[in-house]
Amino acid sequence: MRPSHVLTLAALLPQLGCALLTKSKPFDSRYFSPDLSTTATTPVAQSGLELRLGPVTAAGYIGERFVFRESPYEVQFVDDERWTEKPESYVRRALARTLFTRRGVRQIVYGGGTTIDVDVVAFDEVRAPKHVARVEIVYRLSDDRVVRFTRSITVERAIEPATGAAAADAVVAALARALSDSVDRVADQTIAELRVERSAEGDAAAVTP
């Protein structure tokens, strides 16, 4: 080793030692939940309709980290703001609560029957051109043989202006509203289809000799 290299290394050693011994600031994450299920729900009378809740999945980019968009093409993440669970868990729980408790649909566990499968396509904060929370859900109703229909629902709710620590709360509150409204719309359309199905079965039974 050349003498000049030795001198350079000797000069750098104190700085390297300080860097190694100095503790960096710990990375603290904040955890949030948009789940509004803490409010007690009184079960309603059975509607006479039956349904199986199938898989509820989410797009690959939707996970524990907050997602935001500033353009239609780019997805970005907030590292220090996270969900307590993956968003599809919130959707599944809200859908089950809405259909089977609030709407009186009987849940199928075993045997044949109509099944609803759900894909969570978006669970995002959209910052431009409007600052909104967006939830998009694609769902399918199927029986033992075929898919009866597929629908897509997108709900956007305005995010209230806020700064500092309150900004994340505003995003969560808007996503909670969008989640609740989207699940209600899925339930409305699903129950309408189940009633059509039941009516058709009744008509078929009436004309059967």
N, C-alpha and C. Protein backbone atom coordinates (compact mmCIF):
# COMPACT_ATOMS: atom_id res chain seq x y z
N MET A 1 0.85 -1.20 0.00
CA MET A 1 0.00 0.00 0.00
C MET A 1 0.88 1.24 0.00
N ARG A 2 0.56 2.19 -0.81
CA ARG A 2 1.34 3.41 -0.88
C ARG A 2 1.17 4.23 0.39
N PRO A 3 2.20 5.00 0.77
CA PRO A 3 2.10 5.85 1.98
C PRO A 3 0.92 6.82 1.93
N SER A 4 0.62 7.36 0.70
CA SER A 4 -0.50 8.31 0.59
C SER A 4 -1.82 7.64 0.93
N HIS A 5 -1.97 6.36 0.52
CA HIS A 5 -3.19 5.61 0.82
C HIS A 5 -3.34 5.36 2.32
N VAL A 6 -2.19 5.09 2.98
CA VAL A 6 -2.22 4.85 4.41
C VAL A 6 -2.66 6.10 5.15
N LEU A 7 -2.14 7.23 4.73
CA LEU A 7 -2.51 8.49 5.38
C LEU A 7 -3.99 8.81 5.19
N THR A 8 -4.50 8.55 3.98
CA THR A 8 -5.92 8.81 3.71
C THR A 8 -6.81 7.93 4.58
N LEU A 9 -6.45 6.64 4.69
CA LEU A 9 -7.23 5.72 5.50
C LEU A 9 -7.20 6.12 6.96
N ALA A 10 -6.04 6.55 7.44
CA ALA A 10 -5.92 6.97 8.84
C ALA A 10 -6.79 8.18 9.12
N ALA A 11 -6.91 9.06 8.14
CA ALA A 11 -7.73 10.25 8.34
C ALA A 11 -9.21 9.92 8.37
N LEU A 12 -9.60 8.86 7.66
CA LEU A 12 -11.02 8.49 7.57
C LEU A 12 -11.49 7.64 8.74
N LEU A 13 -10.57 6.96 9.42
CA LEU A 13 -10.97 6.03 10.48
C LEU A 13 -11.80 6.68 11.58
N PRO A 14 -11.45 7.87 12.11
CA PRO A 14 -12.29 8.48 13.15
C PRO A 14 -13.71 8.76 12.68
N GLN A 15 -13.86 9.18 11.41
CA GLN A 15 -15.20 9.47 10.89
C GLN A 15 -16.01 8.19 10.77
N LEU A 16 -15.35 7.11 10.30
CA LEU A 16 -16.05 5.84 10.16
C LEU A 16 -16.47 5.31 11.52
N GLY A 17 -15.60 5.49 12.52
CA GLY A 17 -15.93 5.02 13.86
C GLY A 17 -17.14 5.74 14.42
N CYS A 18 -17.19 7.05 14.21
CA CYS A 18 -18.35 7.82 14.71
C CYS A 18 -19.64 7.39 14.02
N ALA A 19 -19.55 7.11 12.71
CA ALA A 19 -20.74 6.71 11.97
C ALA A 19 -21.26 5.37 12.46
N LEU A 20 -20.34 4.46 12.77
CA LEU A 20 -20.75 3.13 13.23
C LEU A 20 -21.34 3.17 14.63
N LEU A 21 -20.81 4.05 15.47
CA LEU A 21 -21.25 4.10 16.85
C LEU A 21 -22.50 4.95 17.05
N THR A 22 -22.75 5.86 16.10
CA THR A 22 -23.93 6.72 16.23
C THR A 22 -25.19 5.96 15.86
N LYS A 23 -26.18 5.95 16.73
CA LYS A 23 -27.43 5.25 16.46
C LYS A 23 -28.32 6.11 15.56
N SER A 24 -28.83 5.48 14.51
CA SER A 24 -29.76 6.20 13.63
C SER A 24 -31.13 6.27 14.29
N LYS A 25 -31.92 7.22 13.86
CA LYS A 25 -33.27 7.39 14.41
C LYS A 25 -34.13 6.19 14.04
N PRO A 26 -34.80 5.56 14.98
CA PRO A 26 -35.60 4.38 14.66
C PRO A 26 -36.72 4.73 13.70
N PHE A 27 -37.04 3.76 12.82
CA PHE A 27 -38.10 3.96 11.83
C PHE A 27 -39.43 3.56 12.48
N ASP A 28 -40.26 4.56 12.73
CA ASP A 28 -41.55 4.32 13.40
C ASP A 28 -42.67 4.37 12.37
N SER A 29 -43.49 3.32 12.36
CA SER A 29 -44.64 3.28 11.47
C SER A 29 -45.90 3.57 12.27
N ARG A 30 -46.86 4.20 11.62
CA ARG A 30 -48.18 4.42 12.20
C ARG A 30 -49.14 3.43 11.55
N TYR A 31 -50.00 2.84 12.37
CA TYR A 31 -50.92 1.81 11.88
C TYR A 31 -52.36 2.30 12.00
N PHE A 32 -53.14 2.03 10.94
CA PHE A 32 -54.51 2.53 10.86
C PHE A 32 -55.45 1.41 10.44
N SER A 33 -56.73 1.62 10.75
CA SER A 33 -57.77 0.69 10.31
C SER A 33 -58.98 1.48 9.85
N PRO A 34 -59.53 1.16 8.65
CA PRO A 34 -60.75 1.80 8.18
C PRO A 34 -62.00 1.02 8.57
N ASP A 35 -61.83 -0.01 9.38
CA ASP A 35 -62.93 -0.90 9.75
C ASP A 35 -63.85 -0.19 10.74
N LEU A 36 -65.12 -0.07 10.38
CA LEU A 36 -66.10 0.59 11.24
C LEU A 36 -66.95 -0.40 12.02
N SER A 37 -66.46 -1.62 12.19
CA SER A 37 -67.27 -2.70 12.80
C SER A 37 -67.37 -2.58 14.31
N THR A 38 -66.75 -1.56 14.92
CA THR A 38 -66.84 -1.44 16.38
C THR A 38 -68.25 -1.05 16.83
N THR A 39 -69.05 -0.51 15.89
CA THR A 39 -70.42 -0.15 16.23
C THR A 39 -71.29 -1.41 16.26
N ALA A 40 -72.04 -1.59 17.34
CA ALA A 40 -72.87 -2.78 17.47
C ALA A 40 -73.93 -2.80 16.38
N THR A 41 -74.18 -4.00 15.84
CA THR A 41 -75.16 -4.17 14.78
C THR A 41 -76.22 -5.15 15.24
N THR A 42 -77.48 -4.77 15.15
CA THR A 42 -78.57 -5.64 15.53
C THR A 42 -78.98 -6.49 14.33
N PRO A 43 -78.93 -7.82 14.44
CA PRO A 43 -79.32 -8.67 13.31
C PRO A 43 -80.78 -8.42 12.92
N VAL A 44 -81.04 -8.52 11.61
CA VAL A 44 -82.39 -8.35 11.11
C VAL A 44 -82.99 -9.72 10.83
N ALA A 45 -84.29 -9.72 10.52
CA ALA A 45 -84.97 -10.98 10.23
C ALA A 45 -84.40 -11.60 8.95
N GLN A 46 -84.43 -12.92 8.89
CA GLN A 46 -83.91 -13.62 7.72
C GLN A 46 -84.73 -13.25 6.48
N SER A 47 -84.03 -13.06 5.37
CA SER A 47 -84.67 -12.64 4.12
C SER A 47 -85.16 -13.82 3.28
N GLY A 48 -84.74 -15.03 3.64
CA GLY A 48 -85.06 -16.19 2.82
C GLY A 48 -84.06 -16.42 1.71
N LEU A 49 -83.05 -15.55 1.60
CA LEU A 49 -82.03 -15.69 0.57
C LEU A 49 -80.79 -16.37 1.16
N GLU A 50 -80.05 -17.06 0.30
CA GLU A 50 -78.86 -17.77 0.74
C GLU A 50 -77.69 -17.44 -0.17
N LEU A 51 -76.48 -17.43 0.40
CA LEU A 51 -75.29 -17.06 -0.37
C LEU A 51 -74.04 -17.59 0.33
N ARG A 52 -73.08 -18.01 -0.47
CA ARG A 52 -71.77 -18.38 0.07
C ARG A 52 -70.80 -17.25 -0.24
N LEU A 53 -70.02 -16.86 0.74
CA LEU A 53 -68.97 -15.85 0.54
C LEU A 53 -67.68 -16.59 0.17
N GLY A 54 -67.29 -16.45 -1.10
CA GLY A 54 -66.08 -17.11 -1.59
C GLY A 54 -64.84 -16.30 -1.31
N PRO A 55 -63.78 -16.52 -2.09
CA PRO A 55 -62.52 -15.80 -1.87
C PRO A 55 -62.66 -14.30 -2.07
N VAL A 56 -61.97 -13.54 -1.23
CA VAL A 56 -61.83 -12.09 -1.40
C VAL A 56 -60.34 -11.82 -1.55
N THR A 57 -59.93 -11.40 -2.73
CA THR A 57 -58.51 -11.18 -3.02
C THR A 57 -58.29 -9.72 -3.40
N ALA A 58 -57.02 -9.35 -3.52
CA ALA A 58 -56.68 -7.96 -3.88
C ALA A 58 -55.59 -7.96 -4.93
N ALA A 59 -55.51 -6.87 -5.67
CA ALA A 59 -54.43 -6.68 -6.64
C ALA A 59 -53.08 -6.80 -5.93
N GLY A 60 -52.07 -7.23 -6.70
CA GLY A 60 -50.78 -7.53 -6.10
C GLY A 60 -50.13 -6.37 -5.37
N TYR A 61 -50.37 -5.14 -5.81
CA TYR A 61 -49.71 -3.99 -5.19
C TYR A 61 -50.40 -3.54 -3.90
N ILE A 62 -51.61 -4.05 -3.65
CA ILE A 62 -52.36 -3.62 -2.47
C ILE A 62 -51.96 -4.48 -1.28
N GLY A 63 -51.31 -3.86 -0.32
CA GLY A 63 -50.84 -4.58 0.85
C GLY A 63 -50.97 -3.73 2.10
N GLU A 64 -50.01 -3.86 3.00
CA GLU A 64 -50.09 -3.15 4.27
C GLU A 64 -49.73 -1.67 4.15
N ARG A 65 -48.90 -1.30 3.18
CA ARG A 65 -48.51 0.10 3.05
C ARG A 65 -49.61 0.92 2.37
N PHE A 66 -49.75 2.17 2.79
CA PHE A 66 -50.67 3.09 2.13
C PHE A 66 -50.24 3.27 0.68
N VAL A 67 -51.21 3.34 -0.20
CA VAL A 67 -50.96 3.53 -1.62
C VAL A 67 -51.51 4.89 -2.04
N PHE A 68 -50.74 5.62 -2.83
CA PHE A 68 -51.27 6.87 -3.38
C PHE A 68 -50.87 7.01 -4.84
N ARG A 69 -51.67 7.79 -5.56
CA ARG A 69 -51.44 8.04 -6.98
C ARG A 69 -51.45 9.54 -7.22
N GLU A 70 -50.52 9.98 -8.06
CA GLU A 70 -50.52 11.36 -8.53
C GLU A 70 -50.71 11.42 -10.04
N SER A 71 -50.82 10.26 -10.67
CA SER A 71 -51.11 10.15 -12.09
C SER A 71 -51.83 8.82 -12.30
N PRO A 72 -52.49 8.66 -13.43
CA PRO A 72 -53.20 7.40 -13.68
C PRO A 72 -52.27 6.20 -13.85
N TYR A 73 -50.97 6.44 -14.04
CA TYR A 73 -50.07 5.37 -14.44
C TYR A 73 -49.10 4.94 -13.35
N GLU A 74 -48.87 5.79 -12.36
CA GLU A 74 -47.84 5.50 -11.36
C GLU A 74 -48.46 5.23 -10.00
N VAL A 75 -48.00 4.15 -9.37
CA VAL A 75 -48.42 3.80 -8.01
C VAL A 75 -47.25 4.07 -7.07
N GLN A 76 -47.52 4.77 -5.96
CA GLN A 76 -46.47 5.05 -4.98
C GLN A 76 -46.94 4.60 -3.59
N PHE A 77 -45.97 4.46 -2.70
CA PHE A 77 -46.26 3.91 -1.38
C PHE A 77 -45.75 4.84 -0.29
N VAL A 78 -46.45 4.82 0.84
CA VAL A 78 -46.04 5.56 2.03
C VAL A 78 -45.48 4.54 3.02
N ASP A 79 -44.18 4.61 3.29
CA ASP A 79 -43.53 3.57 4.09
C ASP A 79 -43.92 3.60 5.56
N ASP A 80 -44.21 4.78 6.11
CA ASP A 80 -44.43 4.86 7.55
C ASP A 80 -45.92 4.93 7.93
N GLU A 81 -46.81 4.70 6.97
CA GLU A 81 -48.25 4.64 7.26
C GLU A 81 -48.77 3.32 6.70
N ARG A 82 -49.28 2.48 7.59
CA ARG A 82 -49.64 1.12 7.21
C ARG A 82 -51.00 0.72 7.76
N TRP A 83 -51.60 -0.26 7.11
CA TRP A 83 -52.86 -0.83 7.60
C TRP A 83 -52.57 -1.91 8.64
N THR A 84 -53.48 -2.07 9.59
CA THR A 84 -53.31 -3.13 10.58
C THR A 84 -53.51 -4.51 9.97
N GLU A 85 -54.26 -4.56 8.86
CA GLU A 85 -54.46 -5.80 8.11
C GLU A 85 -54.42 -5.46 6.63
N LYS A 86 -54.34 -6.47 5.79
CA LYS A 86 -54.42 -6.22 4.36
C LYS A 86 -55.84 -5.78 4.00
N PRO A 87 -55.99 -4.84 3.07
CA PRO A 87 -57.31 -4.28 2.76
C PRO A 87 -58.37 -5.31 2.40
N GLU A 88 -58.00 -6.43 1.76
CA GLU A 88 -59.03 -7.42 1.43
C GLU A 88 -59.69 -8.00 2.68
N SER A 89 -58.98 -7.98 3.82
CA SER A 89 -59.59 -8.45 5.06
C SER A 89 -60.70 -7.51 5.51
N TYR A 90 -60.48 -6.20 5.35
CA TYR A 90 -61.53 -5.24 5.70
C TYR A 90 -62.75 -5.41 4.79
N VAL A 91 -62.49 -5.63 3.49
CA VAL A 91 -63.59 -5.80 2.55
C VAL A 91 -64.38 -7.06 2.87
N ARG A 92 -63.70 -8.15 3.13
CA ARG A 92 -64.39 -9.40 3.43
C ARG A 92 -65.25 -9.27 4.69
N ARG A 93 -64.70 -8.67 5.73
CA ARG A 93 -65.44 -8.53 6.98
C ARG A 93 -66.65 -7.60 6.80
N ALA A 94 -66.45 -6.49 6.09
CA ALA A 94 -67.56 -5.57 5.86
C ALA A 94 -68.66 -6.21 5.02
N LEU A 95 -68.26 -6.98 4.02
CA LEU A 95 -69.25 -7.63 3.16
C LEU A 95 -70.03 -8.69 3.92
N ALA A 96 -69.34 -9.48 4.73
CA ALA A 96 -70.03 -10.50 5.53
C ALA A 96 -70.99 -9.86 6.52
N ARG A 97 -70.56 -8.79 7.16
CA ARG A 97 -71.41 -8.10 8.13
C ARG A 97 -72.65 -7.51 7.45
N THR A 98 -72.46 -6.93 6.27
CA THR A 98 -73.57 -6.28 5.57
C THR A 98 -74.58 -7.31 5.06
N LEU A 99 -74.08 -8.36 4.43
CA LEU A 99 -74.98 -9.35 3.84
C LEU A 99 -75.67 -10.21 4.89
N PHE A 100 -74.92 -10.76 5.82
CA PHE A 100 -75.44 -11.81 6.68
C PHE A 100 -76.03 -11.29 7.99
N THR A 101 -75.63 -10.09 8.40
CA THR A 101 -76.18 -9.53 9.64
C THR A 101 -77.19 -8.42 9.36
N ARG A 102 -76.79 -7.46 8.53
CA ARG A 102 -77.66 -6.31 8.30
C ARG A 102 -78.74 -6.57 7.27
N ARG A 103 -78.51 -7.49 6.33
CA ARG A 103 -79.48 -7.71 5.26
C ARG A 103 -80.23 -9.04 5.42
N GLY A 104 -79.85 -9.85 6.38
CA GLY A 104 -80.61 -11.07 6.66
C GLY A 104 -80.42 -12.19 5.67
N VAL A 105 -79.33 -12.18 4.89
CA VAL A 105 -79.04 -13.28 3.98
C VAL A 105 -78.44 -14.43 4.79
N ARG A 106 -78.89 -15.64 4.53
CA ARG A 106 -78.36 -16.81 5.23
C ARG A 106 -77.05 -17.23 4.58
N GLN A 107 -76.01 -17.42 5.38
CA GLN A 107 -74.70 -17.78 4.84
C GLN A 107 -74.59 -19.28 4.62
N ILE A 108 -74.24 -19.68 3.40
CA ILE A 108 -74.02 -21.08 3.07
C ILE A 108 -72.61 -21.47 3.48
N VAL A 109 -72.50 -22.57 4.19
CA VAL A 109 -71.20 -23.08 4.60
C VAL A 109 -70.87 -24.37 3.86
N TYR A 110 -71.85 -25.27 3.76
CA TYR A 110 -71.67 -26.53 3.07
C TYR A 110 -72.75 -26.69 2.01
N GLY A 111 -72.43 -27.50 0.97
CA GLY A 111 -73.43 -27.79 -0.05
C GLY A 111 -73.40 -26.78 -1.18
N GLY A 112 -74.30 -26.99 -2.16
CA GLY A 112 -74.36 -26.13 -3.33
C GLY A 112 -75.07 -24.83 -3.04
N GLY A 113 -74.97 -23.91 -4.01
CA GLY A 113 -75.63 -22.63 -3.88
C GLY A 113 -74.86 -21.54 -4.60
N THR A 114 -75.41 -20.37 -4.61
CA THR A 114 -74.77 -19.23 -5.27
C THR A 114 -73.61 -18.72 -4.41
N THR A 115 -72.50 -18.40 -5.09
CA THR A 115 -71.29 -17.94 -4.42
C THR A 115 -70.89 -16.58 -4.96
N ILE A 116 -70.45 -15.69 -4.06
CA ILE A 116 -69.90 -14.41 -4.48
C ILE A 116 -68.39 -14.41 -4.25
N ASP A 117 -67.64 -14.09 -5.31
CA ASP A 117 -66.18 -13.93 -5.24
C ASP A 117 -65.85 -12.46 -5.50
N VAL A 118 -64.85 -11.95 -4.79
CA VAL A 118 -64.56 -10.52 -4.84
C VAL A 118 -63.08 -10.27 -5.09
N ASP A 119 -62.79 -9.30 -5.97
CA ASP A 119 -61.43 -8.81 -6.19
C ASP A 119 -61.39 -7.33 -5.82
N VAL A 120 -60.47 -6.95 -4.97
CA VAL A 120 -60.27 -5.54 -4.62
C VAL A 120 -59.24 -4.99 -5.60
N VAL A 121 -59.68 -4.13 -6.52
CA VAL A 121 -58.84 -3.63 -7.59
C VAL A 121 -58.13 -2.33 -7.18
N ALA A 122 -58.77 -1.55 -6.34
CA ALA A 122 -58.16 -0.30 -5.89
C ALA A 122 -58.56 -0.03 -4.44
N PHE A 123 -57.60 0.45 -3.67
CA PHE A 123 -57.83 0.88 -2.29
C PHE A 123 -56.82 2.00 -2.04
N ASP A 124 -57.04 3.13 -2.75
CA ASP A 124 -55.99 4.11 -2.95
C ASP A 124 -56.39 5.50 -2.50
N GLU A 125 -55.36 6.29 -2.19
CA GLU A 125 -55.50 7.74 -2.10
C GLU A 125 -55.11 8.32 -3.46
N VAL A 126 -56.01 9.06 -4.08
CA VAL A 126 -55.73 9.69 -5.37
C VAL A 126 -55.52 11.18 -5.11
N ARG A 127 -54.35 11.69 -5.43
CA ARG A 127 -54.00 13.07 -5.10
C ARG A 127 -54.27 14.06 -6.23
N ALA A 128 -54.40 13.56 -7.46
CA ALA A 128 -54.65 14.45 -8.60
C ALA A 128 -55.47 13.68 -9.64
N PRO A 129 -56.33 14.35 -10.38
CA PRO A 129 -56.62 15.79 -10.34
C PRO A 129 -57.49 16.21 -9.15
N LYS A 130 -58.18 15.26 -8.53
CA LYS A 130 -58.95 15.55 -7.32
C LYS A 130 -58.39 14.71 -6.18
N HIS A 131 -58.45 15.25 -4.96
CA HIS A 131 -57.95 14.52 -3.81
C HIS A 131 -59.09 13.68 -3.24
N VAL A 132 -59.07 12.39 -3.58
CA VAL A 132 -60.16 11.50 -3.19
C VAL A 132 -59.60 10.15 -2.74
N ALA A 133 -60.43 9.43 -1.99
CA ALA A 133 -60.17 8.04 -1.67
C ALA A 133 -60.95 7.19 -2.65
N ARG A 134 -60.30 6.19 -3.23
CA ARG A 134 -60.94 5.37 -4.26
C ARG A 134 -60.92 3.90 -3.85
N VAL A 135 -62.09 3.28 -3.88
CA VAL A 135 -62.21 1.84 -3.68
C VAL A 135 -62.89 1.27 -4.91
N GLU A 136 -62.26 0.31 -5.53
CA GLU A 136 -62.85 -0.37 -6.69
C GLU A 136 -62.92 -1.86 -6.42
N ILE A 137 -64.09 -2.43 -6.64
CA ILE A 137 -64.34 -3.84 -6.36
C ILE A 137 -64.94 -4.50 -7.60
N VAL A 138 -64.40 -5.63 -7.98
CA VAL A 138 -64.98 -6.46 -9.02
C VAL A 138 -65.51 -7.73 -8.34
N TYR A 139 -66.76 -8.07 -8.60
CA TYR A 139 -67.31 -9.26 -7.95
C TYR A 139 -68.11 -10.08 -8.95
N ARG A 140 -68.20 -11.39 -8.65
CA ARG A 140 -68.88 -12.34 -9.51
C ARG A 140 -69.84 -13.19 -8.69
N LEU A 141 -70.99 -13.47 -9.25
CA LEU A 141 -71.90 -14.45 -8.68
C LEU A 141 -71.89 -15.67 -9.57
N SER A 142 -71.72 -16.84 -8.97
CA SER A 142 -71.67 -18.09 -9.74
C SER A 142 -72.41 -19.18 -9.00
N ASP A 143 -72.82 -20.18 -9.75
CA ASP A 143 -73.41 -21.36 -9.12
C ASP A 143 -72.42 -22.51 -9.30
N ASP A 144 -72.90 -23.71 -9.22
CA ASP A 144 -72.00 -24.87 -9.31
C ASP A 144 -71.49 -25.10 -10.73
N ARG A 145 -72.07 -24.38 -11.72
CA ARG A 145 -71.70 -24.65 -13.11
C ARG A 145 -71.10 -23.44 -13.81
N VAL A 146 -71.71 -22.28 -13.66
CA VAL A 146 -71.32 -21.13 -14.48
C VAL A 146 -71.27 -19.85 -13.63
N VAL A 147 -70.58 -18.85 -14.19
CA VAL A 147 -70.62 -17.50 -13.61
C VAL A 147 -71.89 -16.83 -14.09
N ARG A 148 -72.72 -16.39 -13.16
CA ARG A 148 -74.00 -15.78 -13.51
C ARG A 148 -73.82 -14.36 -14.03
N PHE A 149 -73.01 -13.56 -13.34
CA PHE A 149 -72.66 -12.25 -13.86
C PHE A 149 -71.45 -11.70 -13.11
N THR A 150 -70.84 -10.70 -13.73
CA THR A 150 -69.69 -10.01 -13.13
C THR A 150 -69.97 -8.51 -13.15
N ARG A 151 -69.68 -7.86 -12.06
CA ARG A 151 -69.91 -6.42 -11.96
C ARG A 151 -68.65 -5.74 -11.40
N SER A 152 -68.49 -4.46 -11.74
CA SER A 152 -67.41 -3.65 -11.19
C SER A 152 -68.01 -2.40 -10.57
N ILE A 153 -67.56 -2.08 -9.37
CA ILE A 153 -68.06 -0.91 -8.64
C ILE A 153 -66.87 -0.06 -8.22
N THR A 154 -66.93 1.23 -8.53
CA THR A 154 -65.90 2.18 -8.11
C THR A 154 -66.56 3.29 -7.31
N VAL A 155 -66.05 3.54 -6.13
CA VAL A 155 -66.59 4.59 -5.27
C VAL A 155 -65.44 5.52 -4.89
N GLU A 156 -65.67 6.81 -5.05
CA GLU A 156 -64.70 7.83 -4.64
C GLU A 156 -65.34 8.75 -3.61
N ARG A 157 -64.58 9.08 -2.58
CA ARG A 157 -65.05 10.01 -1.55
C ARG A 157 -63.97 11.06 -1.31
N ALA A 158 -64.40 12.31 -1.19
CA ALA A 158 -63.45 13.42 -1.02
C ALA A 158 -62.67 13.28 0.29
N ILE A 159 -61.41 13.63 0.24
CA ILE A 159 -60.54 13.64 1.42
C ILE A 159 -60.49 15.07 1.95
N GLU A 160 -60.86 15.25 3.20
CA GLU A 160 -60.89 16.58 3.80
C GLU A 160 -59.47 17.14 3.92
N PRO A 161 -59.30 18.44 3.66
CA PRO A 161 -57.96 19.03 3.79
C PRO A 161 -57.44 18.89 5.23
N ALA A 162 -56.19 18.51 5.36
CA ALA A 162 -55.56 18.36 6.67
C ALA A 162 -54.05 18.39 6.50
N THR A 163 -53.35 18.72 7.56
CA THR A 163 -51.90 18.79 7.52
C THR A 163 -51.32 18.01 8.69
N GLY A 164 -50.03 17.71 8.58
CA GLY A 164 -49.34 17.02 9.66
C GLY A 164 -49.88 15.63 9.92
N ALA A 165 -49.93 15.27 11.19
CA ALA A 165 -50.39 13.93 11.56
C ALA A 165 -51.85 13.70 11.20
N ALA A 166 -52.64 14.76 11.12
CA ALA A 166 -54.06 14.62 10.81
C ALA A 166 -54.31 14.25 9.36
N ALA A 167 -53.31 14.43 8.48
CA ALA A 167 -53.50 14.14 7.06
C ALA A 167 -53.80 12.66 6.84
N ALA A 168 -53.10 11.79 7.55
CA ALA A 168 -53.36 10.35 7.40
C ALA A 168 -54.74 9.98 7.91
N ASP A 169 -55.18 10.60 9.01
CA ASP A 169 -56.52 10.34 9.52
C ASP A 169 -57.58 10.71 8.49
N ALA A 170 -57.37 11.81 7.78
CA ALA A 170 -58.33 12.24 6.77
C ALA A 170 -58.41 11.23 5.62
N VAL A 171 -57.27 10.67 5.24
CA VAL A 171 -57.25 9.64 4.19
C VAL A 171 -58.01 8.40 4.65
N VAL A 172 -57.74 7.96 5.88
CA VAL A 172 -58.40 6.76 6.40
C VAL A 172 -59.90 6.96 6.51
N ALA A 173 -60.32 8.13 6.99
CA ALA A 173 -61.76 8.40 7.13
C ALA A 173 -62.45 8.35 5.77
N ALA A 174 -61.83 8.92 4.74
CA ALA A 174 -62.43 8.89 3.41
C ALA A 174 -62.46 7.47 2.84
N LEU A 175 -61.40 6.70 3.06
CA LEU A 175 -61.39 5.32 2.60
C LEU A 175 -62.43 4.48 3.34
N ALA A 176 -62.64 4.77 4.61
CA ALA A 176 -63.67 4.05 5.37
C ALA A 176 -65.05 4.30 4.78
N ARG A 177 -65.33 5.55 4.40
CA ARG A 177 -66.61 5.87 3.78
C ARG A 177 -66.74 5.19 2.42
N ALA A 178 -65.67 5.23 1.64
CA ALA A 178 -65.70 4.59 0.32
C ALA A 178 -65.89 3.08 0.44
N LEU A 179 -65.22 2.48 1.42
CA LEU A 179 -65.38 1.05 1.66
C LEU A 179 -66.80 0.70 2.04
N SER A 180 -67.38 1.46 2.97
CA SER A 180 -68.74 1.19 3.42
C SER A 180 -69.74 1.34 2.28
N ASP A 181 -69.58 2.40 1.49
CA ASP A 181 -70.52 2.65 0.39
C ASP A 181 -70.39 1.61 -0.71
N SER A 182 -69.17 1.20 -1.02
CA SER A 182 -68.98 0.21 -2.07
C SER A 182 -69.56 -1.14 -1.66
N VAL A 183 -69.37 -1.53 -0.41
CA VAL A 183 -69.92 -2.79 0.08
C VAL A 183 -71.45 -2.75 0.07
N ASP A 184 -72.03 -1.61 0.44
CA ASP A 184 -73.48 -1.48 0.38
C ASP A 184 -73.99 -1.66 -1.05
N ARG A 185 -73.28 -1.11 -2.02
CA ARG A 185 -73.70 -1.25 -3.41
C ARG A 185 -73.57 -2.68 -3.89
N VAL A 186 -72.49 -3.35 -3.49
CA VAL A 186 -72.36 -4.77 -3.83
C VAL A 186 -73.50 -5.57 -3.23
N ALA A 187 -73.83 -5.30 -1.97
CA ALA A 187 -74.92 -6.02 -1.30
C ALA A 187 -76.26 -5.76 -1.99
N ASP A 188 -76.52 -4.50 -2.37
CA ASP A 188 -77.78 -4.17 -3.04
C ASP A 188 -77.94 -4.97 -4.33
N GLN A 189 -76.91 -4.98 -5.16
CA GLN A 189 -77.00 -5.66 -6.44
C GLN A 189 -77.04 -7.17 -6.27
N THR A 190 -76.31 -7.67 -5.29
CA THR A 190 -76.31 -9.12 -5.05
C THR A 190 -77.67 -9.59 -4.58
N ILE A 191 -78.26 -8.88 -3.66
CA ILE A 191 -79.58 -9.27 -3.14
C ILE A 191 -80.63 -9.17 -4.25
N ALA A 192 -80.55 -8.15 -5.09
CA ALA A 192 -81.48 -8.04 -6.21
C ALA A 192 -81.37 -9.25 -7.13
N GLU A 193 -80.14 -9.70 -7.40
CA GLU A 193 -79.95 -10.87 -8.26
C GLU A 193 -80.45 -12.14 -7.58
N LEU A 194 -80.22 -12.27 -6.29
CA LEU A 194 -80.70 -13.45 -5.58
C LEU A 194 -82.23 -13.52 -5.59
N ARG A 195 -82.88 -12.37 -5.51
CA ARG A 195 -84.34 -12.35 -5.56
C ARG A 195 -84.86 -12.75 -6.94
N VAL A 196 -84.16 -12.29 -7.99
CA VAL A 196 -84.53 -12.71 -9.34
C VAL A 196 -84.37 -14.21 -9.48
N GLU A 197 -83.29 -14.74 -8.95
CA GLU A 197 -83.04 -16.18 -9.00
C GLU A 197 -84.13 -16.94 -8.27
N ARG A 198 -84.49 -16.48 -7.09
CA ARG A 198 -85.53 -17.18 -6.32
C ARG A 198 -86.87 -17.11 -7.03
N SER A 199 -87.18 -15.95 -7.64
CA SER A 199 -88.43 -15.82 -8.37
C SER A 199 -88.48 -16.76 -9.56
N ALA A 200 -87.34 -16.88 -10.29
CA ALA A 200 -87.29 -17.77 -11.43
C ALA A 200 -87.46 -19.22 -11.00
N GLU A 201 -86.86 -19.58 -9.89
CA GLU A 201 -87.01 -20.95 -9.38
C GLU A 201 -88.46 -21.23 -9.00
N GLY A 202 -89.12 -20.22 -8.42
CA GLY A 202 -90.53 -20.39 -8.06
C GLY A 202 -91.40 -20.55 -9.28
N ASP A 203 -91.14 -19.78 -10.35
CA ASP A 203 -91.91 -19.90 -11.58
C ASP A 203 -91.71 -21.26 -12.22
N ALA A 204 -90.44 -21.75 -12.19
CA ALA A 204 -90.17 -23.05 -12.77
C ALA A 204 -90.88 -24.16 -12.01
N ALA A 205 -90.90 -24.04 -10.69
CA ALA A 205 -91.58 -25.06 -9.88
C ALA A 205 -93.09 -25.05 -10.13
N ALA A 206 -93.64 -23.85 -10.41
CA ALA A 206 -95.10 -23.74 -10.61
C ALA A 206 -95.55 -24.40 -11.90
N VAL A 207 -94.69 -24.43 -12.93
CA VAL A 207 -95.10 -25.01 -14.22
C VAL A 207 -94.65 -26.46 -14.36
N THR A 208 -93.90 -26.96 -13.39
CA THR A 208 -93.47 -28.36 -13.44
C THR A 208 -94.63 -29.26 -13.10
N PRO A 209 -94.98 -30.23 -14.00
CA PRO A 209 -96.12 -31.11 -13.71
C PRO A 209 -95.83 -32.04 -12.53
